[in-house]
Amino acid sequence: MPAYTIRLSSKGQLVIPRDIREELHWEAGEELTLIKHASGVTIQSKPPRRVRKLVDLIGYLKSDGAPPVMTPRSGAATMFCMR
């Protein structure tokens, strides 16, 4: 991969060359991550946001009460505490 020399504008902006943007499928408005190192910075695609399901969060919050019980109800999972 060739090295490119780019210039920082007076507004602090960089222009990423078109062939790099096309190869990485980066479009206007794309969110990128800038990672600072002692020798410079690395720019990379922002990792996709992980979508969590309710069932993934079971046990996330600690409670002194009875553990929650999952029961099927109308095709969906409903959570309630047994006391």
C-alpha atoms as a PDB file:
ATOM      1  CA  MET A   1       0.000   0.000   0.000  1.00  0.00           C
ATOM      2  CA  PRO A   2       1.495   3.341  -1.007  1.00  0.00           C
ATOM      3  CA  ALA A   3       2.188   6.092   1.518  1.00  0.00           C
ATOM      4  CA  TYR A   4       0.383   9.402   1.048  1.00  0.00           C
ATOM      5  CA  THR A   5       1.382  12.851   2.202  1.00  0.00           C
ATOM      6  CA  ILE A   6      -1.604  14.954   3.204  1.00  0.00           C
ATOM      7  CA  ARG A   7      -1.827  18.418   4.718  1.00  0.00           C
ATOM      8  CA  LEU A   8      -3.719  19.576   7.817  1.00  0.00           C
ATOM      9  CA  SER A   9      -5.942  22.562   6.979  1.00  0.00           C
ATOM     10  CA  SER A  10      -6.195  25.732   9.066  1.00  0.00           C
ATOM     11  CA  LYS A  11      -9.477  24.304  10.406  1.00  0.00           C
ATOM     12  CA  GLY A  12      -7.776  21.077  11.524  1.00  0.00           C
ATOM     13  CA  GLN A  13      -9.234  19.004   8.676  1.00  0.00           C
ATOM     14  CA  LEU A  14      -7.599  16.237   6.659  1.00  0.00           C
ATOM     15  CA  VAL A  15      -8.577  15.022   3.208  1.00  0.00           C
ATOM     16  CA  ILE A  16      -8.299  11.240   2.876  1.00  0.00           C
ATOM     17  CA  PRO A  17      -7.444  10.348  -0.730  1.00  0.00           C
ATOM     18  CA  ARG A  18     -10.370   9.088  -2.832  1.00  0.00           C
ATOM     19  CA  ASP A  19      -8.830   5.686  -3.644  1.00  0.00           C
ATOM     20  CA  ILE A  20      -8.408   4.932   0.083  1.00  0.00           C
ATOM     21  CA  ARG A  21     -11.978   6.061   0.843  1.00  0.00           C
ATOM     22  CA  GLU A  22     -13.337   3.906  -1.977  1.00  0.00           C
ATOM     23  CA  GLU A  23     -11.289   0.851  -0.969  1.00  0.00           C
ATOM     24  CA  LEU A  24     -12.484   1.149   2.643  1.00  0.00           C
ATOM     25  CA  HIS A  25     -16.064   2.081   1.604  1.00  0.00           C
ATOM     26  CA  TRP A  26     -15.893   5.316   3.619  1.00  0.00           C
ATOM     27  CA  GLU A  27     -18.522   7.873   2.635  1.00  0.00           C
ATOM     28  CA  ALA A  28     -19.262  11.424   3.785  1.00  0.00           C
ATOM     29  CA  GLY A  29     -20.495  11.391   7.373  1.00  0.00           C
ATOM     30  CA  GLU A  30     -18.724   8.114   8.196  1.00  0.00           C
ATOM     31  CA  GLU A  31     -17.704   7.944  11.866  1.00  0.00           C
ATOM     32  CA  LEU A  32     -14.036   7.110  12.309  1.00  0.00           C
ATOM     33  CA  THR A  33     -11.935   6.440  15.399  1.00  0.00           C
ATOM     34  CA  LEU A  34      -8.730   8.431  15.911  1.00  0.00           C
ATOM     35  CA  ILE A  35      -6.210   6.660  18.167  1.00  0.00           C
ATOM     36  CA  LYS A  36      -3.268   8.669  19.522  1.00  0.00           C
ATOM     37  CA  HIS A  37       0.157   7.009  19.764  1.00  0.00           C
ATOM     38  CA  ALA A  38       3.535   8.389  20.863  1.00  0.00           C
ATOM     39  CA  SER A  39       4.625   8.505  17.216  1.00  0.00           C
ATOM     40  CA  GLY A  40       1.386   9.831  15.690  1.00  0.00           C
ATOM     41  CA  VAL A  41      -2.209   8.739  15.162  1.00  0.00           C
ATOM     42  CA  THR A  42      -4.133   5.876  13.582  1.00  0.00           C
ATOM     43  CA  ILE A  43      -7.490   6.412  11.855  1.00  0.00           C
ATOM     44  CA  GLN A  44      -9.820   3.441  11.570  1.00  0.00           C
ATOM     45  CA  SER A  45     -13.477   2.644  11.012  1.00  0.00           C
ATOM     46  CA  LYS A  46     -15.572   3.002  14.132  1.00  0.00           C
ATOM     47  CA  PRO A  47     -16.614  -0.471  15.287  1.00  0.00           C
ATOM     48  CA  PRO A  48     -20.321  -1.140  14.759  1.00  0.00           C
ATOM     49  CA  ARG A  49     -22.437  -0.565  17.835  1.00  0.00           C
ATOM     50  CA  ARG A  50     -23.407  -3.851  19.439  1.00  0.00           C
ATOM     51  CA  VAL A  51     -27.146  -4.199  19.766  1.00  0.00           C
ATOM     52  CA  ARG A  52     -28.099  -5.913  22.982  1.00  0.00           C
ATOM     53  CA  LYS A  53     -31.215  -7.919  23.569  1.00  0.00           C
ATOM     54  CA  LEU A  54     -33.069  -7.853  26.872  1.00  0.00           C
ATOM     55  CA  VAL A  55     -32.088 -11.443  27.523  1.00  0.00           C
ATOM     56  CA  ASP A  56     -28.380 -10.429  27.249  1.00  0.00           C
ATOM     57  CA  LEU A  57     -28.822  -8.074  30.210  1.00  0.00           C
ATOM     58  CA  ILE A  58     -30.139 -10.671  32.673  1.00  0.00           C
ATOM     59  CA  GLY A  59     -27.839 -10.695  35.686  1.00  0.00           C
ATOM     60  CA  TYR A  60     -26.283  -7.347  34.753  1.00  0.00           C
ATOM     61  CA  LEU A  61     -27.786  -5.586  37.771  1.00  0.00           C
ATOM     62  CA  LYS A  62     -27.198  -7.138  41.167  1.00  0.00           C
ATOM     63  CA  SER A  63     -30.076  -7.607  43.588  1.00  0.00           C
ATOM     64  CA  ASP A  64     -30.435  -8.926  47.129  1.00  0.00           C
ATOM     65  CA  GLY A  65     -33.876 -10.307  46.253  1.00  0.00           C
ATOM     66  CA  ALA A  66     -34.884 -13.550  44.609  1.00  0.00           C
ATOM     67  CA  PRO A  67     -33.467 -14.191  41.135  1.00  0.00           C
ATOM     68  CA  PRO A  68     -35.710 -13.276  38.197  1.00  0.00           C
ATOM     69  CA  VAL A  69     -37.581 -16.063  36.437  1.00  0.00           C
ATOM     70  CA  MET A  70     -38.220 -16.093  32.692  1.00  0.00           C
ATOM     71  CA  THR A  71     -41.617 -17.388  31.577  1.00  0.00           C
ATOM     72  CA  PRO A  72     -43.089 -17.553  28.092  1.00  0.00           C
ATOM     73  CA  ARG A  73     -46.068 -15.248  27.664  1.00  0.00           C
ATOM     74  CA  SER A  74     -47.722 -14.523  24.336  1.00  0.00           C
ATOM     75  CA  GLY A  75     -44.626 -15.618  22.456  1.00  0.00           C
ATOM     76  CA  ALA A  76     -42.409 -13.140  24.322  1.00  0.00           C
ATOM     77  CA  ALA A  77     -40.262 -13.509  27.409  1.00  0.00           C
ATOM     78  CA  THR A  78     -41.551 -11.726  30.504  1.00  0.00           C
ATOM     79  CA  MET A  79     -39.380 -11.183  33.553  1.00  0.00           C
ATOM     80  CA  PHE A  80     -40.703 -11.076  37.107  1.00  0.00           C
ATOM     81  CA  CYS A  81     -39.369 -11.824  40.596  1.00  0.00           C
ATOM     82  CA  MET A  82     -40.615 -14.728  42.689  1.00  0.00           C
ATOM     83  CA  ARG A  83     -41.162 -13.806  46.325  1.00  0.00           C
END
